[in-house]
């Protein structure tokens, strides 16, 4: 399969342009997507728990400190007042 490069990419491209964006319209959908990303290393058999994967933000979600400083952990919206 040949992947077309974007005009602003000069050498290598890490992402695909035919992705399917998903609207994060509720806390449930947001949590599903966060869980999906954090569980990828577990599903791949690299670690037993998401927070054990060194390059994941899952450790920050587990109230521990990861490798990077100032990781913004996504917070759910309080939609009760809307």
N, C-alpha and C. Protein backbone atom coordinates (compact mmCIF):
# COMPACT_ATOMS: atom_id res chain seq x y z
N UNK A 1 0.84 -1.17 0.00
CA UNK A 1 0.00 0.00 0.00
C UNK A 1 0.89 1.24 0.00
N UNK A 2 0.68 2.10 -0.95
CA UNK A 2 1.45 3.33 -1.04
C UNK A 2 0.72 4.43 -0.28
N UNK A 3 1.45 5.09 0.62
CA UNK A 3 0.87 6.18 1.40
C UNK A 3 1.37 7.49 0.81
N UNK A 4 0.45 8.32 0.42
CA UNK A 4 0.80 9.63 -0.13
C UNK A 4 1.31 10.54 0.98
N UNK A 5 2.37 11.27 0.69
CA UNK A 5 2.89 12.21 1.66
C UNK A 5 2.18 13.54 1.51
N UNK A 6 2.03 14.22 2.63
CA UNK A 6 1.48 15.57 2.63
C UNK A 6 2.51 16.51 2.02
N UNK A 7 2.06 17.59 1.46
CA UNK A 7 2.97 18.54 0.83
C UNK A 7 3.93 19.20 1.83
N UNK A 8 3.56 19.22 3.12
CA UNK A 8 4.44 19.84 4.12
C UNK A 8 5.41 18.84 4.74
N UNK A 9 5.40 17.58 4.30
CA UNK A 9 6.31 16.57 4.81
C UNK A 9 7.46 16.42 3.82
N UNK A 10 8.68 16.59 4.31
CA UNK A 10 9.84 16.55 3.43
C UNK A 10 10.49 15.17 3.35
N UNK A 11 10.57 14.44 4.48
CA UNK A 11 11.29 13.17 4.47
C UNK A 11 10.44 12.00 4.96
N UNK A 12 10.00 12.05 6.22
CA UNK A 12 9.27 10.93 6.80
C UNK A 12 7.96 11.43 7.39
N UNK A 13 7.00 10.54 7.42
CA UNK A 13 5.71 10.89 7.98
C UNK A 13 5.31 9.79 8.96
N UNK A 14 5.04 10.16 10.20
CA UNK A 14 4.72 9.21 11.25
C UNK A 14 3.24 8.83 11.26
N UNK A 15 2.38 9.74 10.88
CA UNK A 15 0.93 9.53 10.95
C UNK A 15 0.35 9.25 9.58
N UNK A 16 -0.88 8.77 9.57
CA UNK A 16 -1.58 8.52 8.32
C UNK A 16 -2.58 9.65 8.09
N UNK A 17 -2.75 10.03 6.86
CA UNK A 17 -3.70 11.09 6.54
C UNK A 17 -5.12 10.57 6.38
N UNK A 18 -5.29 9.27 6.32
CA UNK A 18 -6.63 8.73 6.16
C UNK A 18 -7.22 8.30 7.50
N UNK A 19 -6.86 9.02 8.56
CA UNK A 19 -7.41 8.68 9.87
C UNK A 19 -8.89 9.04 9.94
N UNK A 20 -9.55 8.53 10.93
CA UNK A 20 -10.98 8.79 11.11
C UNK A 20 -11.16 9.49 12.45
N UNK A 21 -11.22 10.81 12.45
CA UNK A 21 -11.36 11.53 13.72
C UNK A 21 -12.67 11.16 14.43
N UNK A 22 -12.60 11.13 15.74
CA UNK A 22 -13.77 10.80 16.56
C UNK A 22 -14.08 11.99 17.44
N UNK A 23 -15.31 12.43 17.40
CA UNK A 23 -15.73 13.55 18.23
C UNK A 23 -15.83 13.10 19.68
N UNK A 24 -15.19 13.84 20.57
CA UNK A 24 -15.24 13.53 22.00
C UNK A 24 -16.38 14.32 22.62
N UNK A 25 -17.57 13.79 22.48
CA UNK A 25 -18.78 14.54 22.83
C UNK A 25 -19.33 14.23 24.21
N UNK A 26 -18.77 13.24 24.90
CA UNK A 26 -19.24 12.95 26.25
C UNK A 26 -18.09 12.40 27.09
N UNK A 27 -18.27 12.45 28.40
CA UNK A 27 -17.25 11.91 29.30
C UNK A 27 -17.05 10.42 29.07
N UNK A 28 -18.10 9.70 28.74
CA UNK A 28 -18.00 8.27 28.49
C UNK A 28 -17.10 7.99 27.28
N UNK A 29 -17.30 8.74 26.20
CA UNK A 29 -16.49 8.56 24.99
C UNK A 29 -15.05 8.96 25.27
N UNK A 30 -14.85 10.04 25.99
CA UNK A 30 -13.50 10.49 26.34
C UNK A 30 -12.78 9.40 27.13
N UNK A 31 -13.44 8.84 28.13
CA UNK A 31 -12.82 7.80 28.95
C UNK A 31 -12.53 6.55 28.13
N UNK A 32 -13.42 6.19 27.21
CA UNK A 32 -13.18 5.03 26.34
C UNK A 32 -11.91 5.22 25.53
N UNK A 33 -11.71 6.41 24.98
CA UNK A 33 -10.54 6.67 24.14
C UNK A 33 -9.26 6.70 24.97
N UNK A 34 -9.31 7.27 26.15
CA UNK A 34 -8.15 7.28 27.05
C UNK A 34 -7.78 5.85 27.42
N UNK A 35 -8.78 5.06 27.78
CA UNK A 35 -8.54 3.65 28.14
C UNK A 35 -7.96 2.88 26.97
N UNK A 36 -8.47 3.12 25.78
CA UNK A 36 -7.98 2.43 24.58
C UNK A 36 -6.49 2.70 24.37
N UNK A 37 -6.11 3.98 24.43
CA UNK A 37 -4.71 4.35 24.21
C UNK A 37 -3.82 3.77 25.31
N UNK A 38 -4.28 3.87 26.56
CA UNK A 38 -3.47 3.37 27.67
C UNK A 38 -3.36 1.84 27.66
N UNK A 39 -4.34 1.15 27.14
CA UNK A 39 -4.32 -0.32 27.14
C UNK A 39 -3.60 -0.93 25.94
N UNK A 40 -3.22 -0.12 24.96
CA UNK A 40 -2.51 -0.67 23.80
C UNK A 40 -1.25 -1.44 24.17
N UNK A 41 -0.38 -0.94 25.06
CA UNK A 41 0.81 -1.71 25.43
C UNK A 41 0.47 -3.01 26.15
N UNK A 42 -0.64 -3.02 26.89
CA UNK A 42 -1.09 -4.23 27.58
C UNK A 42 -1.54 -5.26 26.55
N UNK A 43 -2.36 -4.83 25.61
CA UNK A 43 -2.87 -5.71 24.55
C UNK A 43 -1.72 -6.26 23.69
N UNK A 44 -0.67 -5.47 23.53
CA UNK A 44 0.49 -5.91 22.73
C UNK A 44 1.40 -6.85 23.52
N UNK A 45 1.11 -7.03 24.81
CA UNK A 45 1.92 -7.93 25.63
C UNK A 45 3.21 -7.32 26.12
N UNK A 46 3.32 -6.00 26.08
CA UNK A 46 4.56 -5.34 26.52
C UNK A 46 4.62 -5.17 28.03
N UNK A 47 3.46 -4.99 28.67
CA UNK A 47 3.37 -4.78 30.12
C UNK A 47 2.11 -5.46 30.63
N UNK A 48 2.02 -5.59 31.95
CA UNK A 48 0.83 -6.16 32.58
C UNK A 48 -0.20 -5.10 32.91
N UNK A 49 0.26 -3.90 33.28
CA UNK A 49 -0.64 -2.80 33.64
C UNK A 49 -0.28 -1.59 32.78
N UNK A 50 -1.27 -0.79 32.37
CA UNK A 50 -0.98 0.38 31.52
C UNK A 50 0.06 1.32 32.12
N UNK A 51 0.03 1.51 33.43
CA UNK A 51 0.97 2.46 34.05
C UNK A 51 2.39 1.93 34.10
N UNK A 52 2.60 0.66 33.76
CA UNK A 52 3.96 0.10 33.70
C UNK A 52 4.69 0.45 32.41
N UNK A 53 3.97 0.90 31.40
CA UNK A 53 4.62 1.25 30.13
C UNK A 53 5.28 2.61 30.29
N UNK A 54 6.58 2.66 30.13
CA UNK A 54 7.39 3.83 30.44
C UNK A 54 6.94 5.08 29.68
N UNK A 55 6.54 4.93 28.42
CA UNK A 55 6.24 6.08 27.58
C UNK A 55 4.76 6.44 27.56
N UNK A 56 4.01 5.96 28.52
CA UNK A 56 2.57 6.21 28.57
C UNK A 56 2.23 7.25 29.62
N UNK A 57 1.16 7.98 29.39
CA UNK A 57 0.66 8.91 30.40
C UNK A 57 -0.22 8.20 31.42
N UNK A 58 -0.42 6.89 31.27
CA UNK A 58 -1.27 6.14 32.20
C UNK A 58 -0.79 6.28 33.64
N UNK A 59 0.50 6.38 33.83
CA UNK A 59 1.04 6.53 35.19
C UNK A 59 0.57 7.84 35.82
N UNK A 60 0.45 8.89 35.01
CA UNK A 60 -0.03 10.17 35.51
C UNK A 60 -1.51 10.08 35.89
N UNK A 61 -2.27 9.26 35.18
CA UNK A 61 -3.67 9.04 35.50
C UNK A 61 -3.82 8.20 36.76
N UNK A 62 -2.77 7.46 37.13
CA UNK A 62 -2.78 6.62 38.34
C UNK A 62 -2.21 7.39 39.53
N UNK A 63 -2.19 8.72 39.43
CA UNK A 63 -1.69 9.60 40.50
C UNK A 63 -0.24 9.32 40.89
N UNK A 64 0.57 8.95 39.89
CA UNK A 64 1.99 8.80 40.09
C UNK A 64 2.70 9.73 39.12
N UNK A 65 4.02 9.77 39.16
CA UNK A 65 4.79 10.67 38.31
C UNK A 65 5.44 9.91 37.17
N UNK A 66 5.16 10.31 35.95
CA UNK A 66 5.76 9.70 34.78
C UNK A 66 7.07 10.37 34.40
N UNK A 67 7.58 10.06 33.22
CA UNK A 67 8.86 10.58 32.75
C UNK A 67 8.84 12.07 32.44
N UNK A 68 7.72 12.56 31.93
CA UNK A 68 7.65 13.94 31.46
C UNK A 68 7.11 14.88 32.52
N UNK A 69 7.62 16.10 32.48
CA UNK A 69 7.12 17.15 33.36
C UNK A 69 5.86 17.76 32.75
N UNK A 70 5.00 18.27 33.58
CA UNK A 70 3.83 19.04 33.16
C UNK A 70 2.91 18.29 32.20
N UNK A 71 2.66 17.03 32.47
CA UNK A 71 1.71 16.27 31.66
C UNK A 71 0.31 16.75 32.02
N UNK A 72 -0.43 17.16 31.02
CA UNK A 72 -1.80 17.60 31.25
C UNK A 72 -2.69 16.37 31.19
N UNK A 73 -3.23 16.02 32.33
CA UNK A 73 -4.13 14.89 32.40
C UNK A 73 -5.53 15.41 32.11
N UNK A 74 -6.16 14.78 31.13
CA UNK A 74 -7.49 15.24 30.73
C UNK A 74 -8.47 15.05 31.84
N UNK A 75 -9.25 16.07 32.09
CA UNK A 75 -10.27 16.02 33.13
C UNK A 75 -11.64 15.99 32.49
N UNK A 76 -12.53 15.27 33.12
CA UNK A 76 -13.89 15.18 32.62
C UNK A 76 -14.63 16.47 32.87
N UNK A 77 -15.62 16.72 32.05
CA UNK A 77 -16.44 17.91 32.17
C UNK A 77 -17.58 17.67 33.14
N UNK A 78 -17.95 18.69 33.88
CA UNK A 78 -19.14 18.63 34.71
C UNK A 78 -20.27 19.22 33.89
N UNK A 79 -21.05 18.36 33.27
CA UNK A 79 -22.10 18.80 32.35
C UNK A 79 -23.42 19.04 33.07
N UNK A 80 -23.44 18.92 34.37
CA UNK A 80 -24.68 19.08 35.13
C UNK A 80 -25.23 20.48 35.12
N UNK A 81 -24.38 21.47 34.90
CA UNK A 81 -24.82 22.87 34.95
C UNK A 81 -25.09 23.47 33.58
N UNK A 82 -25.08 22.65 32.57
CA UNK A 82 -25.28 23.18 31.20
C UNK A 82 -26.74 23.19 30.86
